[in-house]
Amino acid sequence: MDATTQIKNNLISRIRDSKDLSFLKALQTIFDSSEKGLYQLSSEQESSISIGRNQIENGQFSTNESVISEMKEWLKEK
């Protein structure tokens, strides 16, 4: 068992056995804040993602292959 798995199992066991509500709430806060930091987007970013998803749903996109092909053709003309 590697060190990461050992630490996870130890934490899981300690959390499961804990009766200390303050401790558990503190852990919850740590997990919540670390997850928000990873995925916190500005309203402009969220809007851009939404627009992009709508475009994909409506078939308004180009495949990687077609873009590469177009660029090769464009470069030949230069």
C-alpha atoms as a PDB file:
ATOM      1  CA  MET A   1       0.000   0.000   0.000  1.00  0.00           C
ATOM      2  CA  ASP A   2       1.470   3.359  -1.000  1.00  0.00           C
ATOM      3  CA  ALA A   3       1.725   6.394   1.282  1.00  0.00           C
ATOM      4  CA  THR A   4      -1.233   8.187  -0.332  1.00  0.00           C
ATOM      5  CA  THR A   5      -3.546   5.231   0.220  1.00  0.00           C
ATOM      6  CA  GLN A   6      -2.380   4.888   3.826  1.00  0.00           C
ATOM      7  CA  ILE A   7      -3.050   8.558   4.555  1.00  0.00           C
ATOM      8  CA  LYS A   8      -6.490   8.395   2.916  1.00  0.00           C
ATOM      9  CA  ASN A   9      -7.446   5.278   4.872  1.00  0.00           C
ATOM     10  CA  ASN A  10      -6.211   6.836   8.117  1.00  0.00           C
ATOM     11  CA  LEU A  11      -8.217  10.018   7.491  1.00  0.00           C
ATOM     12  CA  ILE A  12     -11.341   8.085   6.527  1.00  0.00           C
ATOM     13  CA  SER A  13     -11.096   6.041   9.702  1.00  0.00           C
ATOM     14  CA  ARG A  14     -10.546   9.081  11.921  1.00  0.00           C
ATOM     15  CA  ILE A  15     -13.419  10.980  10.309  1.00  0.00           C
ATOM     16  CA  ARG A  16     -15.747   7.982  10.604  1.00  0.00           C
ATOM     17  CA  ASP A  17     -14.923   7.556  14.306  1.00  0.00           C
ATOM     18  CA  SER A  18     -15.049  11.246  15.207  1.00  0.00           C
ATOM     19  CA  LYS A  19     -17.901  12.586  17.327  1.00  0.00           C
ATOM     20  CA  ASP A  20     -16.482  16.134  17.359  1.00  0.00           C
ATOM     21  CA  LEU A  21     -18.910  18.254  15.322  1.00  0.00           C
ATOM     22  CA  SER A  22     -16.587  21.282  15.277  1.00  0.00           C
ATOM     23  CA  PHE A  23     -13.764  19.161  13.878  1.00  0.00           C
ATOM     24  CA  LEU A  24     -16.015  17.656  11.205  1.00  0.00           C
ATOM     25  CA  LYS A  25     -17.348  21.104  10.230  1.00  0.00           C
ATOM     26  CA  ALA A  26     -13.767  22.397   9.966  1.00  0.00           C
ATOM     27  CA  LEU A  27     -12.881  19.508   7.651  1.00  0.00           C
ATOM     28  CA  GLN A  28     -15.968  20.212   5.563  1.00  0.00           C
ATOM     29  CA  THR A  29     -14.919  23.863   5.258  1.00  0.00           C
ATOM     30  CA  ILE A  30     -11.422  22.824   4.137  1.00  0.00           C
ATOM     31  CA  PHE A  31     -12.814  20.501   1.477  1.00  0.00           C
ATOM     32  CA  ASP A  32     -15.364  23.062   0.274  1.00  0.00           C
ATOM     33  CA  SER A  33     -12.818  25.875  -0.003  1.00  0.00           C
ATOM     34  CA  SER A  34     -10.262  23.740  -1.808  1.00  0.00           C
ATOM     35  CA  GLU A  35     -12.860  22.627  -4.373  1.00  0.00           C
ATOM     36  CA  LYS A  36     -14.079  26.174  -4.971  1.00  0.00           C
ATOM     37  CA  GLY A  37     -10.546  27.355  -5.642  1.00  0.00           C
ATOM     38  CA  LEU A  38     -10.150  24.791  -8.376  1.00  0.00           C
ATOM     39  CA  TYR A  39     -13.351  25.629 -10.207  1.00  0.00           C
ATOM     40  CA  GLN A  40     -14.094  29.247  -9.415  1.00  0.00           C
ATOM     41  CA  LEU A  41     -14.847  30.984 -12.706  1.00  0.00           C
ATOM     42  CA  SER A  42     -15.636  34.593 -13.492  1.00  0.00           C
ATOM     43  CA  SER A  43     -19.061  35.426 -14.893  1.00  0.00           C
ATOM     44  CA  GLU A  44     -17.398  36.106 -18.269  1.00  0.00           C
ATOM     45  CA  GLN A  45     -15.807  32.641 -18.258  1.00  0.00           C
ATOM     46  CA  GLU A  46     -19.101  30.987 -17.313  1.00  0.00           C
ATOM     47  CA  SER A  47     -20.864  32.898 -20.112  1.00  0.00           C
ATOM     48  CA  SER A  48     -18.232  31.852 -22.660  1.00  0.00           C
ATOM     49  CA  ILE A  49     -18.547  28.218 -21.615  1.00  0.00           C
ATOM     50  CA  SER A  50     -22.324  28.411 -21.933  1.00  0.00           C
ATOM     51  CA  ILE A  51     -22.065  29.946 -25.407  1.00  0.00           C
ATOM     52  CA  GLY A  52     -19.594  27.257 -26.464  1.00  0.00           C
ATOM     53  CA  ARG A  53     -21.811  24.453 -25.192  1.00  0.00           C
ATOM     54  CA  ASN A  54     -24.774  25.887 -27.087  1.00  0.00           C
ATOM     55  CA  GLN A  55     -22.704  26.106 -30.253  1.00  0.00           C
ATOM     56  CA  ILE A  56     -21.656  22.468 -29.904  1.00  0.00           C
ATOM     57  CA  GLU A  57     -25.268  21.379 -29.354  1.00  0.00           C
ATOM     58  CA  ASN A  58     -26.246  23.246 -32.543  1.00  0.00           C
ATOM     59  CA  GLY A  59     -23.420  21.736 -34.587  1.00  0.00           C
ATOM     60  CA  GLN A  60     -21.612  25.065 -34.879  1.00  0.00           C
ATOM     61  CA  PHE A  61     -18.044  23.785 -34.580  1.00  0.00           C
ATOM     62  CA  SER A  62     -15.161  22.535 -36.677  1.00  0.00           C
ATOM     63  CA  THR A  63     -13.298  19.302 -36.154  1.00  0.00           C
ATOM     64  CA  ASN A  64      -9.600  19.395 -35.458  1.00  0.00           C
ATOM     65  CA  GLU A  65      -8.958  17.596 -38.741  1.00  0.00           C
ATOM     66  CA  SER A  66     -10.884  20.145 -40.807  1.00  0.00           C
ATOM     67  CA  VAL A  67      -9.077  23.072 -39.172  1.00  0.00           C
ATOM     68  CA  ILE A  68      -5.685  21.479 -39.808  1.00  0.00           C
ATOM     69  CA  SER A  69      -6.665  20.808 -43.424  1.00  0.00           C
ATOM     70  CA  GLU A  70      -7.797  24.413 -43.899  1.00  0.00           C
ATOM     71  CA  MET A  71      -4.553  25.725 -42.384  1.00  0.00           C
ATOM     72  CA  LYS A  72      -2.460  23.520 -44.683  1.00  0.00           C
ATOM     73  CA  GLU A  73      -4.358  24.821 -47.692  1.00  0.00           C
ATOM     74  CA  TRP A  74      -3.971  28.402 -46.500  1.00  0.00           C
ATOM     75  CA  LEU A  75      -0.229  27.908 -46.003  1.00  0.00           C
ATOM     76  CA  LYS A  76       0.147  26.515 -49.535  1.00  0.00           C
ATOM     77  CA  GLU A  77      -1.313  29.757 -50.880  1.00  0.00           C
ATOM     78  CA  LYS A  78       1.249  31.892 -49.053  1.00  0.00           C
END
